[in-house]
N, C-alpha and C. Protein backbone atom coordinates (compact mmCIF):
# COMPACT_ATOMS: atom_id res chain seq x y z
N MET A 1 -73.65 117.88 -43.02
CA MET A 1 -75.10 116.28 -42.82
C MET A 1 -75.80 117.84 -42.36
N ASP A 2 -77.26 117.89 -43.01
CA ASP A 2 -77.68 118.47 -42.27
C ASP A 2 -79.02 118.18 -41.20
N LYS A 3 -79.87 119.23 -40.18
CA LYS A 3 -81.01 118.35 -39.43
C LYS A 3 -81.90 117.75 -40.13
N ASP A 4 -82.45 118.05 -41.18
CA ASP A 4 -82.79 116.98 -41.17
C ASP A 4 -82.90 115.35 -42.24
N ASP A 5 -80.55 115.28 -42.14
CA ASP A 5 -80.57 114.02 -42.60
C ASP A 5 -79.60 113.26 -40.66
N LYS A 6 -79.67 114.13 -39.99
CA LYS A 6 -80.14 113.68 -38.75
C LYS A 6 -80.96 113.11 -38.05
N ARG A 7 -82.25 113.96 -38.95
CA ARG A 7 -83.37 113.29 -37.76
C ARG A 7 -84.09 111.89 -38.36
N ARG A 8 -83.49 111.10 -39.69
CA ARG A 8 -83.73 110.72 -41.01
C ARG A 8 -82.76 108.50 -40.35
N ILE A 9 -82.12 109.88 -39.12
CA ILE A 9 -80.35 108.67 -39.33
C ILE A 9 -81.24 108.39 -37.34
N LEU A 10 -81.08 108.95 -37.10
CA LEU A 10 -80.94 109.14 -34.98
C LEU A 10 -82.56 108.70 -34.92
N GLY A 11 -83.63 109.81 -36.24
CA GLY A 11 -85.10 109.25 -35.55
C GLY A 11 -85.39 111.21 -34.81
N ASP A 12 -86.22 111.36 -35.79
CA ASP A 12 -87.17 112.17 -35.63
C ASP A 12 -87.78 112.68 -34.19
N ALA A 13 -88.59 112.07 -33.48
CA ALA A 13 -89.77 111.70 -32.10
C ALA A 13 -88.70 111.66 -30.87
N ILE A 14 -88.33 112.00 -29.59
CA ILE A 14 -88.04 111.05 -28.62
C ILE A 14 -89.32 111.15 -27.74
N ILE A 15 -88.63 109.98 -26.62
CA ILE A 15 -89.64 109.90 -25.64
C ILE A 15 -88.72 110.12 -24.19
N LEU A 16 -89.11 110.76 -22.96
CA LEU A 16 -88.89 110.96 -22.40
C LEU A 16 -88.84 110.71 -20.91
N CYS A 17 -87.69 110.89 -20.51
CA CYS A 17 -88.47 110.91 -18.69
C CYS A 17 -88.39 112.00 -17.85
N PRO A 18 -89.27 112.94 -17.45
CA PRO A 18 -89.62 113.68 -17.11
C PRO A 18 -88.44 114.04 -15.73
N LYS A 19 -88.71 113.35 -15.09
CA LYS A 19 -87.24 112.91 -14.05
C LYS A 19 -86.51 112.69 -13.11
N CYS A 20 -85.99 112.51 -13.84
CA CYS A 20 -84.27 112.21 -14.84
C CYS A 20 -83.79 112.03 -16.31
N GLY A 21 -84.48 112.02 -16.79
CA GLY A 21 -84.19 112.63 -18.05
C GLY A 21 -83.89 111.71 -18.93
N PHE A 22 -84.05 110.97 -18.61
CA PHE A 22 -83.23 108.98 -19.55
C PHE A 22 -83.85 109.53 -20.68
N ALA A 23 -83.88 109.81 -21.81
CA ALA A 23 -84.53 109.58 -24.11
C ALA A 23 -84.39 108.40 -24.47
N LYS A 24 -84.86 108.88 -25.87
CA LYS A 24 -84.52 107.79 -26.84
C LYS A 24 -85.32 108.97 -27.83
N ARG A 25 -84.70 108.72 -29.41
CA ARG A 25 -84.83 108.92 -30.25
C ARG A 25 -85.71 107.89 -31.06
N TYR A 26 -86.94 107.67 -32.03
CA TYR A 26 -87.25 107.15 -32.46
C TYR A 26 -87.65 107.53 -34.15
N MET A 27 -88.39 107.14 -35.14
CA MET A 27 -88.84 107.42 -35.63
C MET A 27 -90.28 107.25 -36.37
N GLU A 28 -90.83 108.83 -36.49
CA GLU A 28 -92.57 109.31 -35.80
C GLU A 28 -92.84 108.12 -36.54
N LEU A 29 -93.06 107.66 -38.05
CA LEU A 29 -93.20 106.53 -38.34
C LEU A 29 -94.06 105.27 -38.03
N GLU A 30 -92.94 105.29 -36.94
CA GLU A 30 -92.54 103.64 -36.25
C GLU A 30 -93.41 103.31 -35.25
N GLY A 31 -93.22 105.02 -34.41
CA GLY A 31 -94.03 104.94 -33.43
C GLY A 31 -93.21 104.57 -32.41
N PRO A 32 -93.57 105.54 -31.03
CA PRO A 32 -92.56 105.01 -29.79
C PRO A 32 -92.00 103.30 -29.72
N PRO A 33 -91.04 102.29 -28.79
CA PRO A 33 -90.82 101.85 -28.02
C PRO A 33 -92.28 101.58 -27.44
N ASP A 34 -92.45 99.77 -27.70
CA ASP A 34 -93.65 99.62 -26.47
C ASP A 34 -92.80 99.86 -24.75
N ASP A 35 -91.34 99.28 -25.30
CA ASP A 35 -91.11 98.24 -23.76
C ASP A 35 -90.64 99.77 -23.21
N LEU A 36 -91.18 101.15 -23.38
CA LEU A 36 -90.96 102.03 -22.64
C LEU A 36 -91.94 102.94 -22.10
N ASP A 37 -92.61 102.04 -21.00
CA ASP A 37 -93.79 103.04 -20.70
C ASP A 37 -93.55 104.19 -19.43
N ALA A 38 -92.45 102.84 -18.47
CA ALA A 38 -91.95 103.54 -17.77
C ALA A 38 -90.01 103.55 -17.36
N CYS A 39 -89.49 104.99 -17.29
CA CYS A 39 -88.50 105.07 -17.66
C CYS A 39 -87.79 103.88 -16.33
N PRO A 40 -86.37 102.76 -17.31
CA PRO A 40 -86.03 102.33 -16.56
C PRO A 40 -85.08 102.54 -15.75
N ASP A 41 -84.40 103.74 -15.76
CA ASP A 41 -84.23 103.85 -14.72
C ASP A 41 -84.58 104.31 -13.18
N CYS A 42 -85.72 104.90 -13.17
CA CYS A 42 -85.81 105.14 -12.49
C CYS A 42 -88.16 104.96 -11.43
N GLY A 43 -88.56 104.57 -12.98
CA GLY A 43 -89.84 103.87 -13.52
C GLY A 43 -90.53 104.90 -13.25
N THR A 44 -90.48 105.66 -13.24
CA THR A 44 -91.22 107.48 -13.41
C THR A 44 -91.25 107.04 -15.70
N ALA A 45 -93.27 106.98 -15.90
CA ALA A 45 -94.10 107.64 -16.75
C ALA A 45 -93.36 108.52 -17.46
N MET A 46 -92.60 107.58 -18.92
CA MET A 46 -92.43 108.42 -19.88
C MET A 46 -93.57 109.72 -20.88
N ILE A 47 -92.57 110.34 -21.87
CA ILE A 47 -92.94 111.96 -22.03
C ILE A 47 -92.80 111.62 -23.75
N LYS A 48 -93.80 111.25 -24.66
CA LYS A 48 -93.75 110.61 -26.08
C LYS A 48 -94.41 112.02 -26.28
N ASP A 49 -95.53 113.13 -26.33
CA ASP A 49 -95.72 113.31 -26.93
C ASP A 49 -96.61 114.71 -25.93
N CYS A 50 -97.29 116.02 -26.27
CA CYS A 50 -97.89 117.00 -25.94
C CYS A 50 -99.41 116.53 -25.07
N PRO A 51 -99.80 116.42 -23.86
CA PRO A 51 -100.83 115.91 -23.33
C PRO A 51 -101.97 116.82 -24.42
N ALA A 52 -101.40 118.16 -24.55
CA ALA A 52 -103.29 119.19 -24.95
C ALA A 52 -102.85 119.24 -26.86
N CYS A 53 -102.15 119.01 -26.87
CA CYS A 53 -102.84 119.05 -28.54
C CYS A 53 -101.59 117.79 -29.72
N HIS A 54 -101.27 116.77 -28.76
CA HIS A 54 -100.55 115.00 -28.54
C HIS A 54 -99.50 115.25 -29.89
N ALA A 55 -98.78 116.53 -29.90
CA ALA A 55 -98.05 116.27 -31.20
C ALA A 55 -96.35 115.61 -30.44
N PRO A 56 -95.99 115.09 -31.58
CA PRO A 56 -94.70 114.53 -31.29
C PRO A 56 -93.42 114.91 -30.14
N MET A 57 -92.72 115.50 -29.41
CA MET A 57 -91.48 115.34 -28.77
C MET A 57 -90.08 115.31 -30.05
N ARG A 58 -90.06 116.17 -30.39
CA ARG A 58 -88.69 116.46 -31.14
C ARG A 58 -87.10 116.55 -30.62
N SER A 59 -87.07 117.05 -29.27
CA SER A 59 -86.20 117.38 -28.58
C SER A 59 -85.64 117.83 -27.68
N ILE A 60 -84.56 116.17 -27.36
CA ILE A 60 -85.01 115.96 -25.01
C ILE A 60 -84.60 117.95 -24.85
N MET A 61 -84.27 118.92 -25.32
CA MET A 61 -83.96 119.40 -24.41
C MET A 61 -86.21 119.81 -23.88
N GLN A 62 -86.62 119.56 -25.00
CA GLN A 62 -88.02 120.40 -25.28
C GLN A 62 -88.86 120.20 -23.95
N VAL A 63 -88.93 122.11 -23.26
CA VAL A 63 -90.37 122.21 -22.70
C VAL A 63 -91.24 122.48 -22.79
N ASP A 64 -91.64 123.15 -23.56
CA ASP A 64 -93.02 123.73 -23.94
C ASP A 64 -93.24 123.08 -25.65
N CYS A 65 -94.10 122.43 -25.79
CA CYS A 65 -95.25 121.74 -27.05
C CYS A 65 -93.87 123.02 -28.42
N ARG A 66 -93.72 122.21 -29.55
CA ARG A 66 -93.24 123.14 -30.44
C ARG A 66 -95.43 123.75 -31.05
N VAL A 67 -96.21 123.36 -31.37
CA VAL A 67 -96.46 122.87 -31.70
C VAL A 67 -98.19 124.53 -31.28
N CYS A 68 -98.65 123.48 -30.49
CA CYS A 68 -99.54 124.72 -29.46
C CYS A 68 -98.83 125.87 -28.53
N GLY A 69 -97.64 125.58 -27.51
CA GLY A 69 -96.69 126.46 -26.51
C GLY A 69 -97.18 125.76 -25.74
N GLU A 70 -97.82 124.75 -25.20
CA GLU A 70 -98.18 124.46 -23.68
C GLU A 70 -97.25 123.87 -23.30
N PRO A 71 -96.96 123.67 -21.73
CA PRO A 71 -95.94 123.59 -21.19
C PRO A 71 -96.76 122.00 -21.20
N ILE A 72 -95.08 120.53 -21.32
CA ILE A 72 -94.74 119.94 -22.06
C ILE A 72 -94.57 119.64 -20.17
N ARG A 73 -93.70 119.28 -20.30
CA ARG A 73 -92.56 119.66 -18.31
C ARG A 73 -91.96 120.62 -17.75
N GLU A 74 -91.60 120.13 -15.90
CA GLU A 74 -90.17 120.89 -15.58
C GLU A 74 -89.73 122.11 -16.89
N GLY A 75 -89.33 123.31 -16.29
CA GLY A 75 -88.30 123.86 -16.72
C GLY A 75 -86.74 123.70 -15.98
N GLU A 76 -86.69 122.27 -15.39
CA GLU A 76 -85.51 122.50 -14.92
C GLU A 76 -85.42 120.98 -14.28
N LEU A 77 -84.46 120.46 -14.08
CA LEU A 77 -84.04 119.44 -14.65
C LEU A 77 -82.47 119.36 -13.12
N PHE A 78 -82.69 118.76 -11.75
CA PHE A 78 -82.11 118.97 -10.81
C PHE A 78 -81.58 119.97 -10.46
N GLY A 79 -82.40 121.50 -10.68
CA GLY A 79 -82.05 122.64 -10.46
C GLY A 79 -81.57 123.23 -11.47
N VAL A 80 -81.48 122.98 -12.07
CA VAL A 80 -80.25 123.72 -13.86
C VAL A 80 -81.52 123.65 -14.65
N PRO A 81 -81.33 124.77 -15.14
CA PRO A 81 -82.83 125.13 -16.76
C PRO A 81 -82.52 124.12 -17.76
N ILE A 82 -83.65 123.63 -18.16
CA ILE A 82 -83.53 122.64 -19.73
C ILE A 82 -82.86 123.38 -20.41
N ARG A 83 -83.33 124.65 -20.89
CA ARG A 83 -82.89 125.08 -22.36
C ARG A 83 -82.41 126.40 -21.80
N ARG A 84 -82.66 127.48 -22.74
CA ARG A 84 -81.78 128.44 -22.83
C ARG A 84 -82.30 129.64 -24.09
N LYS A 85 -83.21 128.77 -25.25
CA LYS A 85 -83.81 129.22 -26.53
C LYS A 85 -84.95 128.87 -26.29
N ALA A 86 -85.80 129.36 -27.06
CA ALA A 86 -87.45 128.76 -27.44
C ALA A 86 -87.05 127.76 -28.31
N GLU A 87 -88.23 126.27 -28.46
CA GLU A 87 -87.41 125.77 -29.39
C GLU A 87 -88.15 126.04 -30.63
N PRO A 88 -87.57 125.81 -31.70
CA PRO A 88 -88.71 126.68 -33.32
C PRO A 88 -89.59 125.62 -33.31
N ARG A 89 -90.98 126.41 -34.49
CA ARG A 89 -91.83 125.68 -34.51
C ARG A 89 -91.43 124.61 -34.95
N ASP A 90 -92.37 123.59 -35.75
CA ASP A 90 -92.67 122.34 -35.36
C ASP A 90 -92.87 121.91 -37.20
N LYS A 91 -92.61 121.18 -37.89
CA LYS A 91 -92.45 121.02 -38.40
C LYS A 91 -92.90 119.63 -39.77
N GLY A 92 -92.67 119.12 -38.75
CA GLY A 92 -94.00 117.48 -39.52
C GLY A 92 -92.76 116.68 -39.55
N PRO A 93 -93.04 115.58 -39.36
CA PRO A 93 -92.31 114.69 -39.87
C PRO A 93 -91.68 114.38 -40.56
N VAL A 94 -90.40 113.99 -41.04
CA VAL A 94 -89.45 114.03 -42.03
C VAL A 94 -89.85 112.97 -42.90
N GLN A 95 -89.82 113.91 -44.00
CA GLN A 95 -90.24 113.17 -44.81
C GLN A 95 -88.75 112.12 -45.45
N LEU A 96 -88.46 111.10 -45.86
CA LEU A 96 -87.13 109.86 -45.64
C LEU A 96 -87.58 109.87 -47.31
N PRO A 97 -86.74 109.74 -48.45
CA PRO A 97 -86.75 109.88 -49.78
C PRO A 97 -86.89 108.58 -50.33
N GLY A 98 -87.97 109.25 -51.51
CA GLY A 98 -88.90 107.76 -51.84
C GLY A 98 -90.22 107.06 -51.61
N ALA A 99 -90.12 107.67 -49.99
CA ALA A 99 -91.65 108.09 -48.78
C ALA A 99 -92.61 108.04 -50.28
N ASP A 100 -93.37 109.09 -51.00
CA ASP A 100 -94.24 109.55 -51.14
C ASP A 100 -94.00 108.31 -52.93
N ASP A 101 -93.81 107.68 -53.05
CA ASP A 101 -94.17 106.85 -54.49
C ASP A 101 -95.12 106.17 -54.06
């Protein structure tokens, strides 16, 4: 199973809590869950996109925007670096089979 297949099944975008790391995947075409404005664990406002260009987040490990490069959240969580390598550039939403019809 390649990455696009996984994204089609699990969701191609995420919404996450910058404080505790709670995250949930969703399909970008359907939009983020309406009931997740605040984190269910700690109550912090959830992040669903880049504050500068509004590109959706693709990875739970994402710190900087994949489109414009602006920081989305702090690079550490609980005193540990969130990621070790740069995020790949965004290719846009996953195209589902038969969606072009």
